[in-house]
PDB file of N, CA and C in Angstrom:
ATOM      1  N   MET A   1      33.213 -51.780  -1.444  1.00  0.00           N
ATOM      2  CA  MET A   1      32.784 -50.723  -2.293  1.00  0.00           C
ATOM      3  C   MET A   1      33.586 -49.427  -1.950  1.00  0.00           C
ATOM      4  N   PHE A   2      33.333 -48.755  -0.890  1.00  0.00           N
ATOM      5  CA  PHE A   2      34.136 -47.550  -0.468  1.00  0.00           C
ATOM      6  C   PHE A   2      34.748 -47.857   0.914  1.00  0.00           C
ATOM      7  N   SER A   3      35.980 -47.410   1.042  1.00  0.00           N
ATOM      8  CA  SER A   3      36.587 -47.677   2.387  1.00  0.00           C
ATOM      9  C   SER A   3      36.042 -46.688   3.374  1.00  0.00           C
ATOM     10  N   ASP A   4      36.164 -47.006   4.651  1.00  0.00           N
ATOM     11  CA  ASP A   4      35.719 -46.153   5.726  1.00  0.00           C
ATOM     12  C   ASP A   4      36.361 -44.768   5.661  1.00  0.00           C
ATOM     13  N   ARG A   5      37.603 -44.718   5.340  1.00  0.00           N
ATOM     14  CA  ARG A   5      38.324 -43.403   5.227  1.00  0.00           C
ATOM     15  C   ARG A   5      37.674 -42.585   4.095  1.00  0.00           C
ATOM     16  N   THR A   6      37.346 -43.130   2.993  1.00  0.00           N
ATOM     17  CA  THR A   6      36.766 -42.390   1.876  1.00  0.00           C
ATOM     18  C   THR A   6      35.361 -41.901   2.295  1.00  0.00           C
ATOM     19  N   LEU A   7      34.591 -42.738   2.999  1.00  0.00           N
ATOM     20  CA  LEU A   7      33.250 -42.307   3.427  1.00  0.00           C
ATOM     21  C   LEU A   7      33.308 -41.117   4.381  1.00  0.00           C
ATOM     22  N   VAL A   8      34.318 -41.223   5.292  1.00  0.00           N
ATOM     23  CA  VAL A   8      34.501 -40.123   6.338  1.00  0.00           C
ATOM     24  C   VAL A   8      34.811 -38.841   5.553  1.00  0.00           C
ATOM     25  N   ARG A   9      35.758 -38.907   4.667  1.00  0.00           N
ATOM     26  CA  ARG A   9      36.106 -37.669   3.822  1.00  0.00           C
ATOM     27  C   ARG A   9      34.884 -37.120   3.085  1.00  0.00           C
ATOM     28  N   LEU A  10      34.131 -38.024   2.505  1.00  0.00           N
ATOM     29  CA  LEU A  10      32.941 -37.621   1.750  1.00  0.00           C
ATOM     30  C   LEU A  10      31.955 -36.944   2.737  1.00  0.00           C
ATOM     31  N   CYS A  11      31.781 -37.446   3.937  1.00  0.00           N
ATOM     32  CA  CYS A  11      30.867 -36.869   4.927  1.00  0.00           C
ATOM     33  C   CYS A  11      31.329 -35.436   5.240  1.00  0.00           C
ATOM     34  N   TRP A  12      32.669 -35.268   5.445  1.00  0.00           N
ATOM     35  CA  TRP A  12      33.159 -33.927   5.784  1.00  0.00           C
ATOM     36  C   TRP A  12      32.969 -32.965   4.693  1.00  0.00           C
ATOM     37  N   VAL A  13      33.192 -33.347   3.444  1.00  0.00           N
ATOM     38  CA  VAL A  13      32.964 -32.472   2.325  1.00  0.00           C
ATOM     39  C   VAL A  13      31.528 -32.053   2.174  1.00  0.00           C
ATOM     40  N   VAL A  14      30.651 -33.069   2.274  1.00  0.00           N
ATOM     41  CA  VAL A  14      29.148 -32.832   2.141  1.00  0.00           C
ATOM     42  C   VAL A  14      28.736 -31.914   3.300  1.00  0.00           C
ATOM     43  N   GLY A  15      29.224 -32.178   4.556  1.00  0.00           N
ATOM     44  CA  GLY A  15      28.793 -31.333   5.649  1.00  0.00           C
ATOM     45  C   GLY A  15      29.275 -29.906   5.420  1.00  0.00           C
ATOM     46  N   GLY A  16      30.571 -29.773   4.980  1.00  0.00           N
ATOM     47  CA  GLY A  16      31.109 -28.389   4.768  1.00  0.00           C
ATOM     48  C   GLY A  16      30.313 -27.691   3.670  1.00  0.00           C
ATOM     49  N   VAL A  17      29.955 -28.339   2.608  1.00  0.00           N
ATOM     50  CA  VAL A  17      29.200 -27.655   1.605  1.00  0.00           C
ATOM     51  C   VAL A  17      27.867 -27.261   2.114  1.00  0.00           C
ATOM     52  N   GLY A  18      27.266 -28.136   3.004  1.00  0.00           N
ATOM     53  CA  GLY A  18      25.966 -27.838   3.546  1.00  0.00           C
ATOM     54  C   GLY A  18      26.030 -26.591   4.484  1.00  0.00           C
ATOM     55  N   ILE A  19      27.056 -26.464   5.296  1.00  0.00           N
ATOM     56  CA  ILE A  19      27.202 -25.341   6.185  1.00  0.00           C
ATOM     57  C   ILE A  19      27.408 -24.016   5.398  1.00  0.00           C
ATOM     58  N   VAL A  20      28.203 -24.113   4.320  1.00  0.00           N
ATOM     59  CA  VAL A  20      28.396 -22.932   3.470  1.00  0.00           C
ATOM     60  C   VAL A  20      27.116 -22.550   2.801  1.00  0.00           C
ATOM     61  N   GLY A  21      26.356 -23.586   2.296  1.00  0.00           N
ATOM     62  CA  GLY A  21      25.070 -23.285   1.692  1.00  0.00           C
ATOM     63  C   GLY A  21      24.117 -22.607   2.621  1.00  0.00           C
ATOM     64  N   LEU A  22      24.046 -23.115   3.888  1.00  0.00           N
ATOM     65  CA  LEU A  22      23.181 -22.489   4.887  1.00  0.00           C
ATOM     66  C   LEU A  22      23.549 -21.043   5.103  1.00  0.00           C
ATOM     67  N   PHE A  23      24.828 -20.748   5.249  1.00  0.00           N
ATOM     68  CA  PHE A  23      25.293 -19.408   5.485  1.00  0.00           C
ATOM     69  C   PHE A  23      24.827 -18.488   4.295  1.00  0.00           C
ATOM     70  N   VAL A  24      25.014 -18.978   3.101  1.00  0.00           N
ATOM     71  CA  VAL A  24      24.672 -18.129   1.885  1.00  0.00           C
ATOM     72  C   VAL A  24      23.188 -17.852   1.906  1.00  0.00           C
ATOM     73  N   VAL A  25      22.316 -18.909   2.183  1.00  0.00           N
ATOM     74  CA  VAL A  25      20.910 -18.700   2.167  1.00  0.00           C
ATOM     75  C   VAL A  25      20.478 -17.699   3.342  1.00  0.00           C
ATOM     76  N   THR A  26      21.041 -17.815   4.477  1.00  0.00           N
ATOM     77  CA  THR A  26      20.669 -16.854   5.547  1.00  0.00           C
ATOM     78  C   THR A  26      21.040 -15.444   5.161  1.00  0.00           C
ATOM     79  N   GLN A  27      22.115 -15.224   4.434  1.00  0.00           N
ATOM     80  CA  GLN A  27      22.491 -13.898   4.013  1.00  0.00           C
ATOM     81  C   GLN A  27      21.533 -13.338   2.998  1.00  0.00           C
ATOM     82  N   LEU A  28      20.997 -14.243   2.187  1.00  0.00           N
ATOM     83  CA  LEU A  28      20.037 -13.842   1.067  1.00  0.00           C
ATOM     84  C   LEU A  28      18.633 -13.560   1.591  1.00  0.00           C
ATOM     85  N   ILE A  29      18.262 -14.189   2.680  1.00  0.00           N
ATOM     86  CA  ILE A  29      16.900 -14.005   3.123  1.00  0.00           C
ATOM     87  C   ILE A  29      16.782 -13.069   4.338  1.00  0.00           C
ATOM     88  N   GLY A  30      17.831 -12.335   4.587  1.00  0.00           N
ATOM     89  CA  GLY A  30      17.798 -11.377   5.725  1.00  0.00           C
ATOM     90  C   GLY A  30      16.851 -10.217   5.385  1.00  0.00           C
ATOM     91  N   PRO A  31      16.659  -9.316   6.331  1.00  0.00           N
ATOM     92  CA  PRO A  31      15.678  -8.230   6.181  1.00  0.00           C
ATOM     93  C   PRO A  31      16.132  -7.320   5.050  1.00  0.00           C
ATOM     94  N   VAL A  32      15.164  -6.811   4.327  1.00  0.00           N
ATOM     95  CA  VAL A  32      15.355  -5.860   3.227  1.00  0.00           C
ATOM     96  C   VAL A  32      15.497  -4.421   3.816  1.00  0.00           C
ATOM     97  N   ASN A  33      16.580  -3.746   3.638  1.00  0.00           N
ATOM     98  CA  ASN A  33      16.673  -2.388   4.142  1.00  0.00           C
ATOM     99  C   ASN A  33      15.841  -1.435   3.243  1.00  0.00           C
ATOM    100  N   THR A  34      15.001  -0.727   3.816  1.00  0.00           N
ATOM    101  CA  THR A  34      14.028   0.114   3.053  1.00  0.00           C
ATOM    102  C   THR A  34      13.685   1.383   3.896  1.00  0.00           C
ATOM    103  N   SER A  35      13.194   2.342   3.095  1.00  0.00           N
ATOM    104  CA  SER A  35      12.582   3.520   3.828  1.00  0.00           C
ATOM    105  C   SER A  35      11.137   3.272   3.958  1.00  0.00           C
ATOM    106  N   ILE A  36      10.491   3.986   4.931  1.00  0.00           N
ATOM    107  CA  ILE A  36       9.089   3.768   5.198  1.00  0.00           C
ATOM    108  C   ILE A  36       8.236   4.096   3.940  1.00  0.00           C
ATOM    109  N   LYS A  37       8.617   5.143   3.187  1.00  0.00           N
ATOM    110  CA  LYS A  37       7.789   5.495   2.044  1.00  0.00           C
ATOM    111  C   LYS A  37       7.836   4.426   0.984  1.00  0.00           C
ATOM    112  N   ASN A  38       8.794   3.497   1.011  1.00  0.00           N
ATOM    113  CA  ASN A  38       8.841   2.405  -0.007  1.00  0.00           C
ATOM    114  C   ASN A  38       8.147   1.136   0.435  1.00  0.00           C
ATOM    115  N   ILE A  39       7.575   1.097   1.611  1.00  0.00           N
ATOM    116  CA  ILE A  39       6.829  -0.016   2.069  1.00  0.00           C
ATOM    117  C   ILE A  39       5.430   0.077   1.491  1.00  0.00           C
ATOM    118  N   ASN A  40       5.006  -0.965   0.747  1.00  0.00           N
ATOM    119  CA  ASN A  40       3.743  -0.961   0.075  1.00  0.00           C
ATOM    120  C   ASN A  40       3.179  -2.414   0.050  1.00  0.00           C
ATOM    121  N   GLU A  41       2.084  -2.583  -0.721  1.00  0.00           N
ATOM    122  CA  GLU A  41       1.439  -3.945  -0.758  1.00  0.00           C
ATOM    123  C   GLU A  41       2.414  -4.983  -1.229  1.00  0.00           C
ATOM    124  N   ALA A  42       3.372  -4.675  -2.065  1.00  0.00           N
ATOM    125  CA  ALA A  42       4.336  -5.662  -2.480  1.00  0.00           C
ATOM    126  C   ALA A  42       5.283  -6.142  -1.382  1.00  0.00           C
ATOM    127  N   SER A  43       5.306  -5.355  -0.289  1.00  0.00           N
ATOM    128  CA  SER A  43       6.124  -5.693   0.849  1.00  0.00           C
ATOM    129  C   SER A  43       5.450  -6.607   1.805  1.00  0.00           C
ATOM    130  N   LEU A  44       4.128  -6.951   1.664  1.00  0.00           N
ATOM    131  CA  LEU A  44       3.418  -7.795   2.537  1.00  0.00           C
ATOM    132  C   LEU A  44       4.135  -9.154   2.737  1.00  0.00           C
ATOM    133  N   GLY A  45       4.287  -9.540   3.943  1.00  0.00           N
ATOM    134  CA  GLY A  45       4.949 -10.845   4.211  1.00  0.00           C
ATOM    135  C   GLY A  45       6.470 -10.775   4.279  1.00  0.00           C
ATOM    136  N   LYS A  46       6.999  -9.713   3.758  1.00  0.00           N
ATOM    137  CA  LYS A  46       8.548  -9.607   3.769  1.00  0.00           C
ATOM    138  C   LYS A  46       9.047  -9.030   5.040  1.00  0.00           C
ATOM    139  N   THR A  47      10.226  -9.486   5.408  1.00  0.00           N
ATOM    140  CA  THR A  47      10.873  -8.897   6.607  1.00  0.00           C
ATOM    141  C   THR A  47      11.702  -7.736   6.116  1.00  0.00           C
ATOM    142  N   VAL A  48      11.497  -6.549   6.816  1.00  0.00           N
ATOM    143  CA  VAL A  48      12.103  -5.337   6.375  1.00  0.00           C
ATOM    144  C   VAL A  48      12.883  -4.727   7.563  1.00  0.00           C
ATOM    145  N   SER A  49      13.820  -3.895   7.260  1.00  0.00           N
ATOM    146  CA  SER A  49      14.564  -3.080   8.277  1.00  0.00           C
ATOM    147  C   SER A  49      14.342  -1.621   7.819  1.00  0.00           C
ATOM    148  N   ALA A  50      13.742  -0.895   8.803  1.00  0.00           N
ATOM    149  CA  ALA A  50      13.469   0.502   8.410  1.00  0.00           C
ATOM    150  C   ALA A  50      13.801   1.372   9.682  1.00  0.00           C
ATOM    151  N   TYR A  51      14.216   2.592   9.471  1.00  0.00           N
ATOM    152  CA  TYR A  51      14.399   3.437  10.596  1.00  0.00           C
ATOM    153  C   TYR A  51      13.679   4.754  10.381  1.00  0.00           C
ATOM    154  N   GLY A  52      13.434   5.428  11.471  1.00  0.00           N
ATOM    155  CA  GLY A  52      12.688   6.716  11.476  1.00  0.00           C
ATOM    156  C   GLY A  52      12.525   7.266  12.798  1.00  0.00           C
ATOM    157  N   LYS A  53      11.701   8.256  12.849  1.00  0.00           N
ATOM    158  CA  LYS A  53      11.438   9.072  14.108  1.00  0.00           C
ATOM    159  C   LYS A  53      10.131   8.556  14.713  1.00  0.00           C
ATOM    160  N   VAL A  54      10.126   8.313  15.972  1.00  0.00           N
ATOM    161  CA  VAL A  54       8.863   7.920  16.668  1.00  0.00           C
ATOM    162  C   VAL A  54       7.918   9.072  16.827  1.00  0.00           C
ATOM    163  N   ASP A  55       6.758   8.944  16.232  1.00  0.00           N
ATOM    164  CA  ASP A  55       5.794   9.981  16.143  1.00  0.00           C
ATOM    165  C   ASP A  55       4.785   9.794  17.290  1.00  0.00           C
ATOM    166  N   SER A  56       4.513   8.593  17.613  1.00  0.00           N
ATOM    167  CA  SER A  56       3.635   8.289  18.777  1.00  0.00           C
ATOM    168  C   SER A  56       3.987   6.942  19.386  1.00  0.00           C
ATOM    169  N   PHE A  57       3.783   6.694  20.688  1.00  0.00           N
ATOM    170  CA  PHE A  57       4.218   5.526  21.372  1.00  0.00           C
ATOM    171  C   PHE A  57       3.306   5.284  22.602  1.00  0.00           C
ATOM    172  N   PHE A  58       2.866   4.028  22.670  1.00  0.00           N
ATOM    173  CA  PHE A  58       2.205   3.622  23.962  1.00  0.00           C
ATOM    174  C   PHE A  58       2.298   2.101  24.079  1.00  0.00           C
ATOM    175  N   THR A  59       2.065   1.677  25.288  1.00  0.00           N
ATOM    176  CA  THR A  59       2.122   0.263  25.624  1.00  0.00           C
ATOM    177  C   THR A  59       0.702  -0.152  26.116  1.00  0.00           C
ATOM    178  N   LYS A  60       0.292  -1.408  25.889  1.00  0.00           N
ATOM    179  CA  LYS A  60      -0.926  -1.929  26.436  1.00  0.00           C
ATOM    180  C   LYS A  60      -0.830  -3.352  26.589  1.00  0.00           C
ATOM    181  N   ASP A  61      -1.022  -3.852  27.740  1.00  0.00           N
ATOM    182  CA  ASP A  61      -1.048  -5.291  28.092  1.00  0.00           C
ATOM    183  C   ASP A  61       0.363  -5.892  27.671  1.00  0.00           C
ATOM    184  N   GLY A  62       1.383  -5.117  27.847  1.00  0.00           N
ATOM    185  CA  GLY A  62       2.755  -5.588  27.557  1.00  0.00           C
ATOM    186  C   GLY A  62       3.172  -5.435  26.124  1.00  0.00           C
ATOM    187  N   HIS A  63       2.234  -5.088  25.217  1.00  0.00           N
ATOM    188  CA  HIS A  63       2.582  -4.889  23.806  1.00  0.00           C
ATOM    189  C   HIS A  63       2.971  -3.433  23.610  1.00  0.00           C
ATOM    190  N   VAL A  64       3.846  -3.244  22.605  1.00  0.00           N
ATOM    191  CA  VAL A  64       4.323  -1.885  22.245  1.00  0.00           C
ATOM    192  C   VAL A  64       3.751  -1.455  20.928  1.00  0.00           C
ATOM    193  N   PHE A  65       3.138  -0.262  20.923  1.00  0.00           N
ATOM    194  CA  PHE A  65       2.566   0.297  19.713  1.00  0.00           C
ATOM    195  C   PHE A  65       3.241   1.664  19.382  1.00  0.00           C
ATOM    196  N   LEU A  66       3.656   1.901  18.191  1.00  0.00           N
ATOM    197  CA  LEU A  66       4.199   3.117  17.901  1.00  0.00           C
ATOM    198  C   LEU A  66       4.000   3.451  16.381  1.00  0.00           C
ATOM    199  N   THR A  67       4.180   4.742  16.051  1.00  0.00           N
ATOM    200  CA  THR A  67       4.127   5.143  14.663  1.00  0.00           C
ATOM    201  C   THR A  67       5.491   5.621  14.254  1.00  0.00           C
ATOM    202  N   LEU A  68       6.029   5.217  13.225  1.00  0.00           N
ATOM    203  CA  LEU A  68       7.400   5.533  12.805  1.00  0.00           C
ATOM    204  C   LEU A  68       7.305   6.378  11.471  1.00  0.00           C
ATOM    205  N   THR A  69       7.990   7.506  11.467  1.00  0.00           N
ATOM    206  CA  THR A  69       7.930   8.409  10.259  1.00  0.00           C
ATOM    207  C   THR A  69       9.282   8.648   9.731  1.00  0.00           C
ATOM    208  N   ASP A  70       9.299   8.847   8.413  1.00  0.00           N
ATOM    209  CA  ASP A  70      10.493   9.351   7.663  1.00  0.00           C
ATOM    210  C   ASP A  70      10.029   9.989   6.417  1.00  0.00           C
ATOM    211  N   GLU A  71      10.709  11.032   6.013  1.00  0.00           N
ATOM    212  CA  GLU A  71      10.451  11.706   4.723  1.00  0.00           C
ATOM    213  C   GLU A  71       8.968  11.910   4.453  1.00  0.00           C
ATOM    214  N   GLY A  72       8.192  12.193   5.433  1.00  0.00           N
ATOM    215  CA  GLY A  72       6.732  12.407   5.177  1.00  0.00           C
ATOM    216  C   GLY A  72       5.859  11.187   5.174  1.00  0.00           C
ATOM    217  N   ALA A  73       6.396   9.985   5.304  1.00  0.00           N
ATOM    218  CA  ALA A  73       5.727   8.752   5.315  1.00  0.00           C
ATOM    219  C   ALA A  73       5.591   8.231   6.718  1.00  0.00           C
ATOM    220  N   LYS A  74       4.535   7.478   7.008  1.00  0.00           N
ATOM    221  CA  LYS A  74       4.295   6.876   8.341  1.00  0.00           C
ATOM    222  C   LYS A  74       3.926   5.469   8.201  1.00  0.00           C
ATOM    223  N   ILE A  75       4.255   4.688   9.240  1.00  0.00           N
ATOM    224  CA  ILE A  75       3.812   3.337   9.304  1.00  0.00           C
ATOM    225  C   ILE A  75       3.654   2.946  10.816  1.00  0.00           C
ATOM    226  N   LYS A  76       2.658   2.141  11.112  1.00  0.00           N
ATOM    227  CA  LYS A  76       2.413   1.699  12.448  1.00  0.00           C
ATOM    228  C   LYS A  76       3.290   0.443  12.695  1.00  0.00           C
ATOM    229  N   VAL A  77       3.816   0.400  13.913  1.00  0.00           N
ATOM    230  CA  VAL A  77       4.655  -0.727  14.306  1.00  0.00           C
ATOM    231  C   VAL A  77       4.032  -1.322  15.616  1.00  0.00           C
ATOM    232  N   VAL A  78       3.929  -2.667  15.638  1.00  0.00           N
ATOM    233  CA  VAL A  78       3.583  -3.336  16.902  1.00  0.00           C
ATOM    234  C   VAL A  78       4.589  -4.298  17.277  1.00  0.00           C
ATOM    235  N   VAL A  79       4.954  -4.287  18.528  1.00  0.00           N
ATOM    236  CA  VAL A  79       5.902  -5.297  19.018  1.00  0.00           C
ATOM    237  C   VAL A  79       5.149  -5.999  20.134  1.00  0.00           C
ATOM    238  N   PHE A  80       4.803  -7.302  19.845  1.00  0.00           N
ATOM    239  CA  PHE A  80       4.020  -8.059  20.819  1.00  0.00           C
ATOM    240  C   PHE A  80       4.848  -8.387  22.099  1.00  0.00           C
ATOM    241  N   GLU A  81       4.209  -8.656  23.171  1.00  0.00           N
ATOM    242  CA  GLU A  81       4.918  -8.744  24.482  1.00  0.00           C
ATOM    243  C   GLU A  81       5.961  -9.797  24.435  1.00  0.00           C
ATOM    244  N   ASN A  82       5.822 -10.946  23.859  1.00  0.00           N
ATOM    245  CA  ASN A  82       6.809 -11.966  23.815  1.00  0.00           C
ATOM    246  C   ASN A  82       8.067 -11.461  23.229  1.00  0.00           C
ATOM    247  N   GLN A  83       8.054 -10.598  22.183  1.00  0.00           N
ATOM    248  CA  GLN A  83       9.250 -10.020  21.604  1.00  0.00           C
ATOM    249  C   GLN A  83       9.788  -8.821  22.420  1.00  0.00           C
ATOM    250  N   ALA A  84       8.837  -8.028  22.882  1.00  0.00           N
ATOM    251  CA  ALA A  84       9.210  -6.763  23.592  1.00  0.00           C
ATOM    252  C   ALA A  84       9.963  -7.153  24.942  1.00  0.00           C
ATOM    253  N   LYS A  85       9.634  -8.232  25.538  1.00  0.00           N
ATOM    254  CA  LYS A  85      10.273  -8.648  26.812  1.00  0.00           C
ATOM    255  C   LYS A  85      11.769  -8.966  26.520  1.00  0.00           C
ATOM    256  N   LYS A  86      12.085  -9.367  25.245  1.00  0.00           N
ATOM    257  CA  LYS A  86      13.515  -9.690  24.910  1.00  0.00           C
ATOM    258  C   LYS A  86      14.260  -8.399  24.691  1.00  0.00           C
ATOM    259  N   MET A  87      13.628  -7.283  24.562  1.00  0.00           N
ATOM    260  CA  MET A  87      14.263  -5.951  24.230  1.00  0.00           C
ATOM    261  C   MET A  87      13.814  -4.977  25.212  1.00  0.00           C
ATOM    262  N   PRO A  88      14.445  -4.833  26.427  1.00  0.00           N
ATOM    263  CA  PRO A  88      13.975  -3.876  27.415  1.00  0.00           C
ATOM    264  C   PRO A  88      13.841  -2.451  26.915  1.00  0.00           C
ATOM    265  N   PHE A  89      14.674  -2.091  25.903  1.00  0.00           N
ATOM    266  CA  PHE A  89      14.616  -0.741  25.285  1.00  0.00           C
ATOM    267  C   PHE A  89      13.212  -0.458  24.719  1.00  0.00           C
ATOM    268  N   ALA A  90      12.543  -1.520  24.291  1.00  0.00           N
ATOM    269  CA  ALA A  90      11.246  -1.330  23.616  1.00  0.00           C
ATOM    270  C   ALA A  90      10.247  -0.588  24.524  1.00  0.00           C
ATOM    271  N   TYR A  91      10.387  -0.762  25.817  1.00  0.00           N
ATOM    272  CA  TYR A  91       9.472  -0.100  26.768  1.00  0.00           C
ATOM    273  C   TYR A  91       9.929   1.290  27.136  1.00  0.00           C
ATOM    274  N   ASN A  92      11.123   1.670  26.764  1.00  0.00           N
ATOM    275  CA  ASN A  92      11.627   3.000  27.109  1.00  0.00           C
ATOM    276  C   ASN A  92      11.726   3.964  25.906  1.00  0.00           C
ATOM    277  N   ILE A  93      11.033   3.663  24.816  1.00  0.00           N
ATOM    278  CA  ILE A  93      10.922   4.498  23.666  1.00  0.00           C
ATOM    279  C   ILE A  93      10.104   5.738  23.969  1.00  0.00           C
ATOM    280  N   ARG A  94      10.540   6.799  23.435  1.00  0.00           N
ATOM    281  CA  ARG A  94       9.897   8.103  23.695  1.00  0.00           C
ATOM    282  C   ARG A  94       9.647   8.775  22.338  1.00  0.00           C
ATOM    283  N   ASN A  95       8.591   9.639  22.326  1.00  0.00           N
ATOM    284  CA  ASN A  95       8.282  10.362  21.039  1.00  0.00           C
ATOM    285  C   ASN A  95       9.532  11.154  20.738  1.00  0.00           C
ATOM    286  N   GLY A  96       9.892  11.171  19.461  1.00  0.00           N
ATOM    287  CA  GLY A  96      11.079  11.912  18.942  1.00  0.00           C
ATOM    288  C   GLY A  96      12.353  11.032  18.843  1.00  0.00           C
ATOM    289  N   ASP A  97      12.278   9.858  19.465  1.00  0.00           N
ATOM    290  CA  ASP A  97      13.474   8.934  19.325  1.00  0.00           C
ATOM    291  C   ASP A  97      13.624   8.499  17.906  1.00  0.00           C
ATOM    292  N   ILE A  98      14.920   8.356  17.487  1.00  0.00           N
ATOM    293  CA  ILE A  98      15.192   7.750  16.167  1.00  0.00           C
ATOM    294  C   ILE A  98      15.525   6.368  16.384  1.00  0.00           C
ATOM    295  N   ILE A  99      14.791   5.386  15.812  1.00  0.00           N
ATOM    296  CA  ILE A  99      14.966   3.998  16.028  1.00  0.00           C
ATOM    297  C   ILE A  99      14.998   3.280  14.746  1.00  0.00           C
ATOM    298  N   LYS A 100      15.491   2.042  14.808  1.00  0.00           N
ATOM    299  CA  LYS A 100      15.508   1.008  13.705  1.00  0.00           C
ATOM    300  C   LYS A 100      14.600  -0.133  14.076  1.00  0.00           C
ATOM    301  N   VAL A 101      13.731  -0.496  13.152  1.00  0.00           N
ATOM    302  CA  VAL A 101      12.798  -1.605  13.430  1.00  0.00           C
ATOM    303  C   VAL A 101      13.061  -2.682  12.364  1.00  0.00           C
ATOM    304  N   VAL A 102      13.193  -3.846  12.803  1.00  0.00           N
ATOM    305  CA  VAL A 102      13.200  -4.993  11.899  1.00  0.00           C
ATOM    306  C   VAL A 102      12.008  -5.818  12.225  1.00  0.00           C
ATOM    307  N   GLY A 103      11.250  -6.203  11.141  1.00  0.00           N
ATOM    308  CA  GLY A 103      10.045  -6.946  11.296  1.00  0.00           C
ATOM    309  C   GLY A 103       9.312  -7.268   9.987  1.00  0.00           C
ATOM    310  N   LYS A 104       8.291  -8.039  10.102  1.00  0.00           N
ATOM    311  CA  LYS A 104       7.482  -8.435   8.939  1.00  0.00           C
ATOM    312  C   LYS A 104       6.345  -7.470   8.666  1.00  0.00           C
ATOM    313  N   VAL A 105       6.211  -7.119   7.407  1.00  0.00           N
ATOM    314  CA  VAL A 105       5.123  -6.231   6.950  1.00  0.00           C
ATOM    315  C   VAL A 105       3.823  -7.042   6.975  1.00  0.00           C
ATOM    316  N   ASP A 106       2.783  -6.485   7.576  1.00  0.00           N
ATOM    317  CA  ASP A 106       1.482  -7.163   7.655  1.00  0.00           C
ATOM    318  C   ASP A 106       0.447  -6.083   7.372  1.00  0.00           C
ATOM    319  N   LYS A 107      -0.777  -6.532   7.277  1.00  0.00           N
ATOM    320  CA  LYS A 107      -1.881  -5.622   7.100  1.00  0.00           C
ATOM    321  C   LYS A 107      -2.925  -5.857   8.198  1.00  0.00           C
ATOM    322  N   TYR A 108      -3.337  -4.762   8.840  1.00  0.00           N
ATOM    323  CA  TYR A 108      -4.313  -4.854   9.884  1.00  0.00           C
ATOM    324  C   TYR A 108      -5.379  -3.771   9.689  1.00  0.00           C
ATOM    325  N   LYS A 109      -6.599  -4.149   9.610  1.00  0.00           N
ATOM    326  CA  LYS A 109      -7.683  -3.252   9.443  1.00  0.00           C
ATOM    327  C   LYS A 109      -7.446  -2.312   8.185  1.00  0.00           C
ATOM    328  N   GLY A 110      -6.905  -2.952   7.168  1.00  0.00           N
ATOM    329  CA  GLY A 110      -6.748  -2.190   5.888  1.00  0.00           C
ATOM    330  C   GLY A 110      -5.461  -1.363   5.773  1.00  0.00           C
ATOM    331  N   GLU A 111      -4.673  -1.346   6.879  1.00  0.00           N
ATOM    332  CA  GLU A 111      -3.423  -0.551   6.866  1.00  0.00           C
ATOM    333  C   GLU A 111      -2.242  -1.423   6.980  1.00  0.00           C
ATOM    334  N   LEU A 112      -1.173  -0.991   6.347  1.00  0.00           N
ATOM    335  CA  LEU A 112       0.071  -1.689   6.402  1.00  0.00           C
ATOM    336  C   LEU A 112       0.782  -1.421   7.802  1.00  0.00           C
ATOM    337  N   GLU A 113       1.387  -2.393   8.370  1.00  0.00           N
ATOM    338  CA  GLU A 113       2.112  -2.195   9.613  1.00  0.00           C
ATOM    339  C   GLU A 113       3.310  -3.173   9.631  1.00  0.00           C
ATOM    340  N   ILE A 114       4.150  -2.859  10.532  1.00  0.00           N
ATOM    341  CA  ILE A 114       5.334  -3.745  10.754  1.00  0.00           C
ATOM    342  C   ILE A 114       5.176  -4.494  12.128  1.00  0.00           C
ATOM    343  N   ILE A 115       5.184  -5.758  12.062  1.00  0.00           N
ATOM    344  CA  ILE A 115       5.268  -6.560  13.284  1.00  0.00           C
ATOM    345  C   ILE A 115       6.743  -6.665  13.715  1.00  0.00           C
ATOM    346  N   GLY A 116       7.080  -5.869  14.693  1.00  0.00           N
ATOM    347  CA  GLY A 116       8.473  -5.751  15.089  1.00  0.00           C
ATOM    348  C   GLY A 116       9.124  -7.014  15.752  1.00  0.00           C
ATOM    349  N   GLU A 117      10.159  -7.384  15.209  1.00  0.00           N
ATOM    350  CA  GLU A 117      10.959  -8.514  15.777  1.00  0.00           C
ATOM    351  C   GLU A 117      12.174  -7.992  16.591  1.00  0.00           C
ATOM    352  N   ARG A 118      12.662  -6.780  16.128  1.00  0.00           N
ATOM    353  CA  ARG A 118      13.791  -6.159  16.778  1.00  0.00           C
ATOM    354  C   ARG A 118      13.607  -4.660  16.741  1.00  0.00           C
ATOM    355  N   VAL A 119      14.004  -3.944  17.762  1.00  0.00           N
ATOM    356  CA  VAL A 119      13.948  -2.534  17.898  1.00  0.00           C
ATOM    357  C   VAL A 119      15.272  -2.098  18.409  1.00  0.00           C
ATOM    358  N   GLU A 120      15.935  -1.088  17.767  1.00  0.00           N
ATOM    359  CA  GLU A 120      17.206  -0.647  18.231  1.00  0.00           C
ATOM    360  C   GLU A 120      17.235   0.911  18.177  1.00  0.00           C
ATOM    361  N   GLN A 121      17.803   1.447  19.150  1.00  0.00           N
ATOM    362  CA  GLN A 121      17.938   2.937  19.222  1.00  0.00           C
ATOM    363  C   GLN A 121      19.166   3.318  18.342  1.00  0.00           C
ATOM    364  N   ILE A 122      19.006   4.347  17.613  1.00  0.00           N
ATOM    365  CA  ILE A 122      20.069   4.836  16.711  1.00  0.00           C
ATOM    366  C   ILE A 122      20.717   6.040  17.337  1.00  0.00           C
TER     367      ILE A 122
END
């Protein structure tokens, strides 16, 4: 039917197309860059990237809680201990710091918040 050489070539082509396809998909499903004021109910479940000024900050049981503000809008951010341990900076945040948060928008007790996956100092 097909020679071994033809099948090997076909495997390489299909594998290459698959790798390129995965790369394209990962680029399309990355975090949406947005401002805090644009995070709303339609953002629920989406991964977003937002930056702003830390308005309040505290830790409890290894978790990091903060309020991020920009242009008059505020959103709460929580970084759970398992993620915070991967980012030592998360425990050194101070009020007034300008940071970037990447995470999933969720709702807790009727309020929107970001479940932080990454926190970076700007």
